[in-house]
Amino acid sequence: MNRDGRTQRTNGRELRETLITQNNSDSAAPSRHVIIVDDNFAVADGLRRSLEDHGHCVIGMAASVRSAKALVSRTSCEVAVLDIDLKGETVIEVARLLAKADTPFFFVTGFGESLVLPPDLSDAPRLEKPARIEDVLRMIDTLCAVDQTH
């Protein structure tokens, strides 16, 4: 968030530079309000438990595009973790809603770099499945830190 209380998105290059230069201090990161969108309950619930074990608050989970859109429209999160493919549907509409609300998000996908995103989302950060919790935590911290500096 910038000084006047507004949030702004960052491009992928700035995010990568921030990830590379981010200080790996032992200080505890602030708790974040997180939304998880994944159609695999075991994966989503495991991620929820891990995030909560690390001090974050998962304020909602969704397993379909329809429920994810409803969740995004009725809650206010600080960051969202999105699986790209939800039983054959993509979360592109959900990502666009988050971007429109200036809410940081990132994709977690098994498609790797082979997945081509629409131009308006091509710089969105992504992690490849299976994502290590350390990488997810670092991405959350980085996106929220970048979001607050703009």
N, C-alpha and C. Protein backbone atom coordinates (compact mmCIF):
# COMPACT_ATOMS: atom_id res chain seq x y z
N MET A 1 0.84 -1.16 0.00
CA MET A 1 0.00 0.00 0.00
C MET A 1 0.89 1.23 0.00
N ASN A 2 0.54 2.23 -0.78
CA ASN A 2 1.35 3.43 -0.76
C ASN A 2 0.87 4.36 0.35
N ARG A 3 1.50 5.51 0.47
CA ARG A 3 1.23 6.40 1.59
C ARG A 3 -0.20 6.92 1.65
N ASP A 4 -0.85 7.04 0.52
CA ASP A 4 -2.22 7.54 0.56
C ASP A 4 -3.25 6.42 0.68
N GLY A 5 -2.78 5.21 0.98
CA GLY A 5 -3.69 4.11 1.26
C GLY A 5 -4.10 3.29 0.04
N ARG A 6 -3.63 3.66 -1.13
CA ARG A 6 -3.98 2.90 -2.32
C ARG A 6 -2.94 1.83 -2.58
N THR A 7 -3.37 0.75 -3.21
CA THR A 7 -2.44 -0.31 -3.59
C THR A 7 -2.23 -0.26 -5.09
N GLN A 8 -1.08 -0.72 -5.50
CA GLN A 8 -0.77 -0.77 -6.91
C GLN A 8 -0.13 -2.11 -7.22
N ARG A 9 -0.33 -2.60 -8.43
CA ARG A 9 0.26 -3.87 -8.87
C ARG A 9 1.70 -3.62 -9.28
N THR A 10 2.46 -4.65 -9.29
CA THR A 10 3.83 -4.58 -9.77
C THR A 10 3.99 -5.53 -10.94
N ASN A 11 4.97 -5.29 -11.77
CA ASN A 11 5.16 -6.21 -12.88
C ASN A 11 6.07 -7.35 -12.45
N GLY A 12 6.14 -8.38 -13.27
CA GLY A 12 6.92 -9.57 -12.94
C GLY A 12 8.40 -9.29 -12.75
N ARG A 13 8.96 -8.36 -13.52
CA ARG A 13 10.38 -8.04 -13.40
C ARG A 13 10.69 -7.46 -12.03
N GLU A 14 9.87 -6.49 -11.57
CA GLU A 14 10.09 -5.92 -10.24
C GLU A 14 9.97 -6.99 -9.17
N LEU A 15 9.01 -7.90 -9.33
CA LEU A 15 8.82 -8.95 -8.34
C LEU A 15 10.04 -9.87 -8.31
N ARG A 16 10.52 -10.28 -9.48
CA ARG A 16 11.70 -11.15 -9.51
C ARG A 16 12.89 -10.47 -8.87
N GLU A 17 13.09 -9.17 -9.15
CA GLU A 17 14.20 -8.44 -8.54
C GLU A 17 14.03 -8.37 -7.03
N THR A 18 12.81 -8.17 -6.57
CA THR A 18 12.56 -8.12 -5.13
C THR A 18 12.82 -9.48 -4.50
N LEU A 19 12.39 -10.55 -5.17
CA LEU A 19 12.64 -11.90 -4.65
C LEU A 19 14.13 -12.17 -4.53
N ILE A 20 14.89 -11.74 -5.51
CA ILE A 20 16.33 -12.00 -5.50
C ILE A 20 17.02 -11.20 -4.40
N THR A 21 16.59 -9.97 -4.20
CA THR A 21 17.28 -9.10 -3.25
C THR A 21 16.66 -9.10 -1.86
N GLN A 22 15.57 -9.84 -1.69
CA GLN A 22 14.87 -9.82 -0.40
C GLN A 22 15.79 -10.32 0.71
N ASN A 23 15.75 -9.62 1.84
CA ASN A 23 16.56 -9.99 2.99
C ASN A 23 15.95 -11.21 3.67
N ASN A 24 16.76 -12.24 3.89
CA ASN A 24 16.29 -13.46 4.53
C ASN A 24 16.54 -13.42 6.02
N SER A 25 16.08 -12.39 6.70
CA SER A 25 16.32 -12.26 8.12
C SER A 25 15.45 -13.25 8.89
N ASP A 26 15.80 -13.46 10.17
CA ASP A 26 15.07 -14.39 11.01
C ASP A 26 13.85 -13.75 11.65
N SER A 27 13.60 -12.47 11.39
CA SER A 27 12.46 -11.81 12.01
C SER A 27 11.17 -12.37 11.44
N ALA A 28 10.16 -12.45 12.28
CA ALA A 28 8.88 -13.01 11.87
C ALA A 28 8.18 -12.07 10.90
N ALA A 29 7.64 -12.64 9.83
CA ALA A 29 6.89 -11.86 8.86
C ALA A 29 5.50 -11.58 9.44
N PRO A 30 4.90 -10.46 9.07
CA PRO A 30 3.56 -10.16 9.58
C PRO A 30 2.54 -11.17 9.06
N SER A 31 1.51 -11.36 9.84
CA SER A 31 0.42 -12.25 9.44
C SER A 31 -0.35 -11.62 8.28
N ARG A 32 -0.72 -12.42 7.32
CA ARG A 32 -1.47 -11.94 6.15
C ARG A 32 -2.79 -12.68 6.05
N HIS A 33 -3.79 -12.01 5.50
CA HIS A 33 -5.10 -12.62 5.24
C HIS A 33 -5.05 -13.17 3.82
N VAL A 34 -5.21 -14.49 3.70
CA VAL A 34 -4.97 -15.20 2.45
C VAL A 34 -6.22 -15.93 1.98
N ILE A 35 -6.41 -15.95 0.66
CA ILE A 35 -7.43 -16.78 0.02
C ILE A 35 -6.69 -17.85 -0.78
N ILE A 36 -7.19 -19.08 -0.70
CA ILE A 36 -6.62 -20.20 -1.46
C ILE A 36 -7.69 -20.69 -2.45
N VAL A 37 -7.31 -20.80 -3.71
CA VAL A 37 -8.21 -21.33 -4.73
C VAL A 37 -7.53 -22.55 -5.36
N ASP A 38 -8.08 -23.73 -5.07
CA ASP A 38 -7.53 -24.99 -5.58
C ASP A 38 -8.64 -26.03 -5.54
N ASP A 39 -8.78 -26.81 -6.61
CA ASP A 39 -9.84 -27.81 -6.67
C ASP A 39 -9.47 -29.12 -5.98
N ASN A 40 -8.25 -29.26 -5.53
CA ASN A 40 -7.82 -30.45 -4.81
C ASN A 40 -7.86 -30.14 -3.32
N PHE A 41 -8.86 -30.69 -2.61
CA PHE A 41 -9.04 -30.34 -1.21
C PHE A 41 -7.82 -30.68 -0.37
N ALA A 42 -7.22 -31.82 -0.63
CA ALA A 42 -6.05 -32.22 0.17
C ALA A 42 -4.92 -31.21 0.02
N VAL A 43 -4.70 -30.73 -1.19
CA VAL A 43 -3.65 -29.73 -1.43
C VAL A 43 -4.02 -28.41 -0.76
N ALA A 44 -5.25 -27.97 -0.97
CA ALA A 44 -5.69 -26.69 -0.40
C ALA A 44 -5.66 -26.73 1.12
N ASP A 45 -6.14 -27.81 1.71
CA ASP A 45 -6.18 -27.90 3.16
C ASP A 45 -4.76 -28.03 3.74
N GLY A 46 -3.90 -28.75 3.06
CA GLY A 46 -2.51 -28.83 3.51
C GLY A 46 -1.83 -27.47 3.48
N LEU A 47 -2.09 -26.72 2.41
CA LEU A 47 -1.54 -25.37 2.30
C LEU A 47 -2.11 -24.48 3.40
N ARG A 48 -3.42 -24.59 3.63
CA ARG A 48 -4.06 -23.81 4.70
C ARG A 48 -3.39 -24.07 6.04
N ARG A 49 -3.22 -25.35 6.37
CA ARG A 49 -2.61 -25.70 7.65
C ARG A 49 -1.18 -25.16 7.75
N SER A 50 -0.43 -25.29 6.67
CA SER A 50 0.96 -24.79 6.67
C SER A 50 1.01 -23.28 6.83
N LEU A 51 0.14 -22.57 6.12
CA LEU A 51 0.12 -21.11 6.23
C LEU A 51 -0.27 -20.69 7.64
N GLU A 52 -1.27 -21.34 8.19
CA GLU A 52 -1.69 -21.01 9.56
C GLU A 52 -0.60 -21.35 10.57
N ASP A 53 0.13 -22.45 10.33
CA ASP A 53 1.26 -22.80 11.21
C ASP A 53 2.33 -21.73 11.19
N HIS A 54 2.40 -20.98 10.10
CA HIS A 54 3.39 -19.91 9.95
C HIS A 54 2.79 -18.53 10.27
N GLY A 55 1.62 -18.51 10.90
CA GLY A 55 1.07 -17.26 11.39
C GLY A 55 0.11 -16.53 10.47
N HIS A 56 -0.15 -17.06 9.28
CA HIS A 56 -1.08 -16.40 8.37
C HIS A 56 -2.51 -16.84 8.68
N CYS A 57 -3.46 -16.05 8.23
CA CYS A 57 -4.88 -16.34 8.45
C CYS A 57 -5.54 -16.61 7.09
N VAL A 58 -5.94 -17.85 6.87
CA VAL A 58 -6.64 -18.19 5.63
C VAL A 58 -8.10 -17.84 5.84
N ILE A 59 -8.56 -16.83 5.12
CA ILE A 59 -9.92 -16.33 5.34
C ILE A 59 -10.93 -16.97 4.40
N GLY A 60 -10.46 -17.80 3.48
CA GLY A 60 -11.39 -18.50 2.59
C GLY A 60 -10.68 -19.41 1.63
N MET A 61 -11.40 -20.47 1.25
CA MET A 61 -10.90 -21.40 0.24
C MET A 61 -12.02 -21.65 -0.76
N ALA A 62 -11.64 -21.84 -2.01
CA ALA A 62 -12.62 -22.12 -3.06
C ALA A 62 -12.07 -23.20 -3.97
N ALA A 63 -12.98 -24.02 -4.50
CA ALA A 63 -12.57 -25.13 -5.36
C ALA A 63 -13.09 -25.00 -6.79
N SER A 64 -13.83 -23.93 -7.08
CA SER A 64 -14.35 -23.71 -8.43
C SER A 64 -14.23 -22.23 -8.77
N VAL A 65 -14.31 -21.94 -10.05
CA VAL A 65 -14.25 -20.54 -10.48
C VAL A 65 -15.44 -19.77 -9.90
N ARG A 66 -16.60 -20.38 -9.94
CA ARG A 66 -17.80 -19.71 -9.42
C ARG A 66 -17.64 -19.38 -7.94
N SER A 67 -17.22 -20.35 -7.13
CA SER A 67 -17.08 -20.07 -5.69
C SER A 67 -15.92 -19.12 -5.42
N ALA A 68 -14.87 -19.17 -6.25
CA ALA A 68 -13.74 -18.25 -6.08
C ALA A 68 -14.16 -16.81 -6.37
N LYS A 69 -14.95 -16.62 -7.43
CA LYS A 69 -15.43 -15.27 -7.74
C LYS A 69 -16.31 -14.74 -6.62
N ALA A 70 -17.16 -15.57 -6.06
CA ALA A 70 -18.02 -15.16 -4.95
C ALA A 70 -17.16 -14.82 -3.73
N LEU A 71 -16.17 -15.64 -3.46
CA LEU A 71 -15.28 -15.40 -2.32
C LEU A 71 -14.54 -14.08 -2.46
N VAL A 72 -14.00 -13.83 -3.63
CA VAL A 72 -13.26 -12.59 -3.88
C VAL A 72 -14.17 -11.38 -3.76
N SER A 73 -15.40 -11.51 -4.22
CA SER A 73 -16.32 -10.36 -4.17
C SER A 73 -16.83 -10.06 -2.77
N ARG A 74 -16.81 -11.05 -1.86
CA ARG A 74 -17.38 -10.81 -0.53
C ARG A 74 -16.35 -10.71 0.58
N THR A 75 -15.09 -10.92 0.28
CA THR A 75 -14.06 -10.83 1.31
C THR A 75 -12.96 -9.88 0.87
N SER A 76 -12.17 -9.50 1.82
CA SER A 76 -11.03 -8.63 1.54
C SER A 76 -9.77 -9.34 2.03
N CYS A 77 -8.98 -9.81 1.09
CA CYS A 77 -7.75 -10.51 1.45
C CYS A 77 -6.56 -9.63 1.09
N GLU A 78 -5.41 -10.00 1.64
CA GLU A 78 -4.18 -9.29 1.31
C GLU A 78 -3.42 -9.95 0.17
N VAL A 79 -3.69 -11.24 -0.04
CA VAL A 79 -3.02 -11.97 -1.10
C VAL A 79 -3.81 -13.24 -1.39
N ALA A 80 -3.76 -13.69 -2.65
CA ALA A 80 -4.48 -14.90 -3.05
C ALA A 80 -3.52 -15.87 -3.74
N VAL A 81 -3.71 -17.15 -3.44
CA VAL A 81 -2.94 -18.23 -4.05
C VAL A 81 -3.90 -18.96 -4.99
N LEU A 82 -3.59 -18.98 -6.28
CA LEU A 82 -4.52 -19.51 -7.28
C LEU A 82 -3.93 -20.69 -8.05
N ASP A 83 -4.61 -21.83 -8.00
CA ASP A 83 -4.32 -22.92 -8.93
C ASP A 83 -4.94 -22.50 -10.25
N ILE A 84 -4.23 -22.64 -11.34
CA ILE A 84 -4.74 -22.14 -12.62
C ILE A 84 -5.90 -22.97 -13.15
N ASP A 85 -5.80 -24.28 -13.06
CA ASP A 85 -6.81 -25.16 -13.63
C ASP A 85 -7.69 -25.75 -12.53
N LEU A 86 -8.98 -25.43 -12.59
CA LEU A 86 -9.95 -25.96 -11.63
C LEU A 86 -10.93 -26.84 -12.39
N LYS A 87 -10.63 -28.11 -12.43
CA LYS A 87 -11.49 -29.09 -13.12
C LYS A 87 -11.84 -28.64 -14.54
N GLY A 88 -10.84 -28.21 -15.27
CA GLY A 88 -11.03 -27.82 -16.65
C GLY A 88 -11.33 -26.35 -16.88
N GLU A 89 -11.62 -25.60 -15.82
CA GLU A 89 -11.84 -24.16 -15.94
C GLU A 89 -10.57 -23.44 -15.47
N THR A 90 -10.25 -22.32 -16.11
CA THR A 90 -9.10 -21.55 -15.65
C THR A 90 -9.57 -20.44 -14.71
N VAL A 91 -8.67 -20.01 -13.85
CA VAL A 91 -8.98 -18.96 -12.87
C VAL A 91 -8.69 -17.56 -13.42
N ILE A 92 -8.61 -17.44 -14.71
CA ILE A 92 -8.29 -16.15 -15.33
C ILE A 92 -9.27 -15.06 -14.88
N GLU A 93 -10.56 -15.36 -14.86
CA GLU A 93 -11.55 -14.35 -14.43
C GLU A 93 -11.31 -13.94 -12.97
N VAL A 94 -10.96 -14.90 -12.14
CA VAL A 94 -10.69 -14.62 -10.73
C VAL A 94 -9.45 -13.74 -10.61
N ALA A 95 -8.41 -14.06 -11.36
CA ALA A 95 -7.18 -13.26 -11.34
C ALA A 95 -7.47 -11.83 -11.79
N ARG A 96 -8.31 -11.68 -12.79
CA ARG A 96 -8.66 -10.33 -13.26
C ARG A 96 -9.44 -9.55 -12.21
N LEU A 97 -10.33 -10.21 -11.48
CA LEU A 97 -11.05 -9.54 -10.39
C LEU A 97 -10.07 -9.08 -9.32
N LEU A 98 -9.12 -9.93 -8.97
CA LEU A 98 -8.12 -9.56 -7.97
C LEU A 98 -7.27 -8.40 -8.46
N ALA A 99 -6.85 -8.45 -9.72
CA ALA A 99 -6.03 -7.37 -10.28
C ALA A 99 -6.81 -6.05 -10.29
N LYS A 100 -8.08 -6.13 -10.65
CA LYS A 100 -8.92 -4.92 -10.66
C LYS A 100 -9.03 -4.32 -9.27
N ALA A 101 -9.02 -5.16 -8.24
CA ALA A 101 -9.10 -4.69 -6.85
C ALA A 101 -7.72 -4.39 -6.26
N ASP A 102 -6.68 -4.47 -7.10
CA ASP A 102 -5.30 -4.24 -6.65
C ASP A 102 -4.90 -5.19 -5.52
N THR A 103 -5.38 -6.41 -5.58
CA THR A 103 -5.03 -7.43 -4.60
C THR A 103 -3.95 -8.33 -5.18
N PRO A 104 -2.82 -8.43 -4.51
CA PRO A 104 -1.75 -9.30 -5.01
C PRO A 104 -2.20 -10.76 -5.07
N PHE A 105 -1.72 -11.46 -6.07
CA PHE A 105 -2.01 -12.89 -6.22
C PHE A 105 -0.87 -13.53 -6.97
N PHE A 106 -0.81 -14.84 -6.87
CA PHE A 106 0.13 -15.60 -7.69
C PHE A 106 -0.49 -16.95 -8.02
N PHE A 107 -0.01 -17.50 -9.13
CA PHE A 107 -0.49 -18.79 -9.59
C PHE A 107 0.42 -19.89 -9.06
N VAL A 108 -0.19 -21.02 -8.74
CA VAL A 108 0.54 -22.25 -8.43
C VAL A 108 0.00 -23.27 -9.43
N THR A 109 0.89 -23.79 -10.27
CA THR A 109 0.42 -24.61 -11.38
C THR A 109 1.34 -25.79 -11.67
N GLY A 110 0.75 -26.83 -12.18
CA GLY A 110 1.51 -27.98 -12.65
C GLY A 110 1.86 -27.85 -14.12
N PHE A 111 1.43 -26.77 -14.76
CA PHE A 111 1.69 -26.58 -16.18
C PHE A 111 3.07 -25.99 -16.46
N GLY A 112 3.70 -25.44 -15.46
CA GLY A 112 5.02 -24.84 -15.63
C GLY A 112 5.00 -23.69 -16.60
N GLU A 113 6.12 -23.49 -17.27
CA GLU A 113 6.25 -22.38 -18.21
C GLU A 113 5.51 -22.62 -19.52
N SER A 114 5.01 -23.86 -19.73
CA SER A 114 4.32 -24.16 -20.98
C SER A 114 2.96 -23.48 -21.07
N LEU A 115 2.41 -23.09 -19.93
CA LEU A 115 1.12 -22.42 -19.93
C LEU A 115 1.29 -20.97 -20.38
N VAL A 116 0.55 -20.59 -21.39
CA VAL A 116 0.59 -19.22 -21.89
C VAL A 116 -0.62 -18.48 -21.32
N LEU A 117 -0.33 -17.44 -20.57
CA LEU A 117 -1.38 -16.63 -19.97
C LEU A 117 -1.77 -15.49 -20.91
N PRO A 118 -2.97 -14.94 -20.74
CA PRO A 118 -3.36 -13.78 -21.55
C PRO A 118 -2.39 -12.63 -21.30
N PRO A 119 -2.22 -11.74 -22.26
CA PRO A 119 -1.25 -10.64 -22.13
C PRO A 119 -1.40 -9.83 -20.85
N ASP A 120 -2.64 -9.59 -20.39
CA ASP A 120 -2.82 -8.77 -19.20
C ASP A 120 -2.38 -9.49 -17.92
N LEU A 121 -2.15 -10.80 -17.98
CA LEU A 121 -1.71 -11.56 -16.81
C LEU A 121 -0.35 -12.25 -17.01
N SER A 122 0.29 -11.94 -18.13
CA SER A 122 1.53 -12.65 -18.46
C SER A 122 2.67 -12.39 -17.47
N ASP A 123 2.64 -11.27 -16.78
CA ASP A 123 3.68 -10.97 -15.79
C ASP A 123 3.31 -11.44 -14.38
N ALA A 124 2.15 -12.06 -14.23
CA ALA A 124 1.74 -12.53 -12.91
C ALA A 124 2.72 -13.60 -12.42
N PRO A 125 3.12 -13.49 -11.16
CA PRO A 125 4.07 -14.48 -10.64
C PRO A 125 3.42 -15.86 -10.53
N ARG A 126 4.27 -16.89 -10.64
CA ARG A 126 3.77 -18.25 -10.51
C ARG A 126 4.82 -19.16 -9.90
N LEU A 127 4.34 -20.16 -9.23
CA LEU A 127 5.18 -21.22 -8.70
C LEU A 127 4.71 -22.53 -9.34
N GLU A 128 5.64 -23.43 -9.53
CA GLU A 128 5.29 -24.71 -10.11
C GLU A 128 4.96 -25.72 -9.01
N LYS A 129 3.92 -26.52 -9.25
CA LYS A 129 3.54 -27.57 -8.32
C LYS A 129 4.50 -28.74 -8.47
N PRO A 130 4.79 -29.44 -7.43
CA PRO A 130 4.39 -29.13 -6.07
C PRO A 130 5.26 -28.01 -5.51
N ALA A 131 4.64 -26.99 -4.97
CA ALA A 131 5.37 -25.83 -4.45
C ALA A 131 5.78 -26.11 -3.00
N ARG A 132 7.00 -25.79 -2.69
CA ARG A 132 7.47 -25.91 -1.30
C ARG A 132 6.87 -24.78 -0.49
N ILE A 133 6.53 -25.07 0.76
CA ILE A 133 5.92 -24.05 1.62
C ILE A 133 6.84 -22.85 1.78
N GLU A 134 8.15 -23.08 1.79
CA GLU A 134 9.09 -21.96 1.90
C GLU A 134 8.95 -21.00 0.72
N ASP A 135 8.74 -21.56 -0.46
CA ASP A 135 8.57 -20.72 -1.65
C ASP A 135 7.24 -19.97 -1.62
N VAL A 136 6.19 -20.63 -1.14
CA VAL A 136 4.88 -19.98 -1.02
C VAL A 136 4.96 -18.83 0.00
N LEU A 137 5.59 -19.08 1.14
CA LEU A 137 5.73 -18.05 2.16
C LEU A 137 6.55 -16.87 1.65
N ARG A 138 7.62 -17.15 0.94
CA ARG A 138 8.46 -16.09 0.38
C ARG A 138 7.67 -15.27 -0.63
N MET A 139 6.87 -15.95 -1.46
CA MET A 139 6.07 -15.24 -2.46
C MET A 139 5.05 -14.34 -1.78
N ILE A 140 4.39 -14.83 -0.76
CA ILE A 140 3.41 -14.02 -0.02
C ILE A 140 4.09 -12.80 0.58
N ASP A 141 5.20 -13.02 1.26
CA ASP A 141 5.92 -11.91 1.88
C ASP A 141 6.37 -10.89 0.84
N THR A 142 6.87 -11.38 -0.27
CA THR A 142 7.37 -10.48 -1.32
C THR A 142 6.24 -9.69 -1.96
N LEU A 143 5.16 -10.36 -2.31
CA LEU A 143 4.03 -9.64 -2.93
C LEU A 143 3.45 -8.60 -2.00
N CYS A 144 3.31 -8.94 -0.74
CA CYS A 144 2.75 -7.98 0.21
C CYS A 144 3.72 -6.83 0.46
N ALA A 145 5.02 -7.11 0.50
CA ALA A 145 6.02 -6.05 0.68
C ALA A 145 6.05 -5.13 -0.52
N VAL A 146 6.02 -5.69 -1.73
CA VAL A 146 6.02 -4.89 -2.95
C VAL A 146 4.75 -4.06 -3.02
N ASP A 147 3.61 -4.68 -2.64
CA ASP A 147 2.33 -3.98 -2.66
C ASP A 147 2.35 -2.77 -1.73
N GLN A 148 3.01 -2.89 -0.59
CA GLN A 148 3.04 -1.80 0.38
C GLN A 148 4.01 -0.69 -0.02
N THR A 149 4.97 -0.97 -0.88
CA THR A 149 5.94 0.06 -1.28
C THR A 149 5.43 0.93 -2.41
N HIS A 150 4.33 0.56 -3.03
CA HIS A 150 3.81 1.35 -4.15
C HIS A 150 2.66 2.20 -3.73
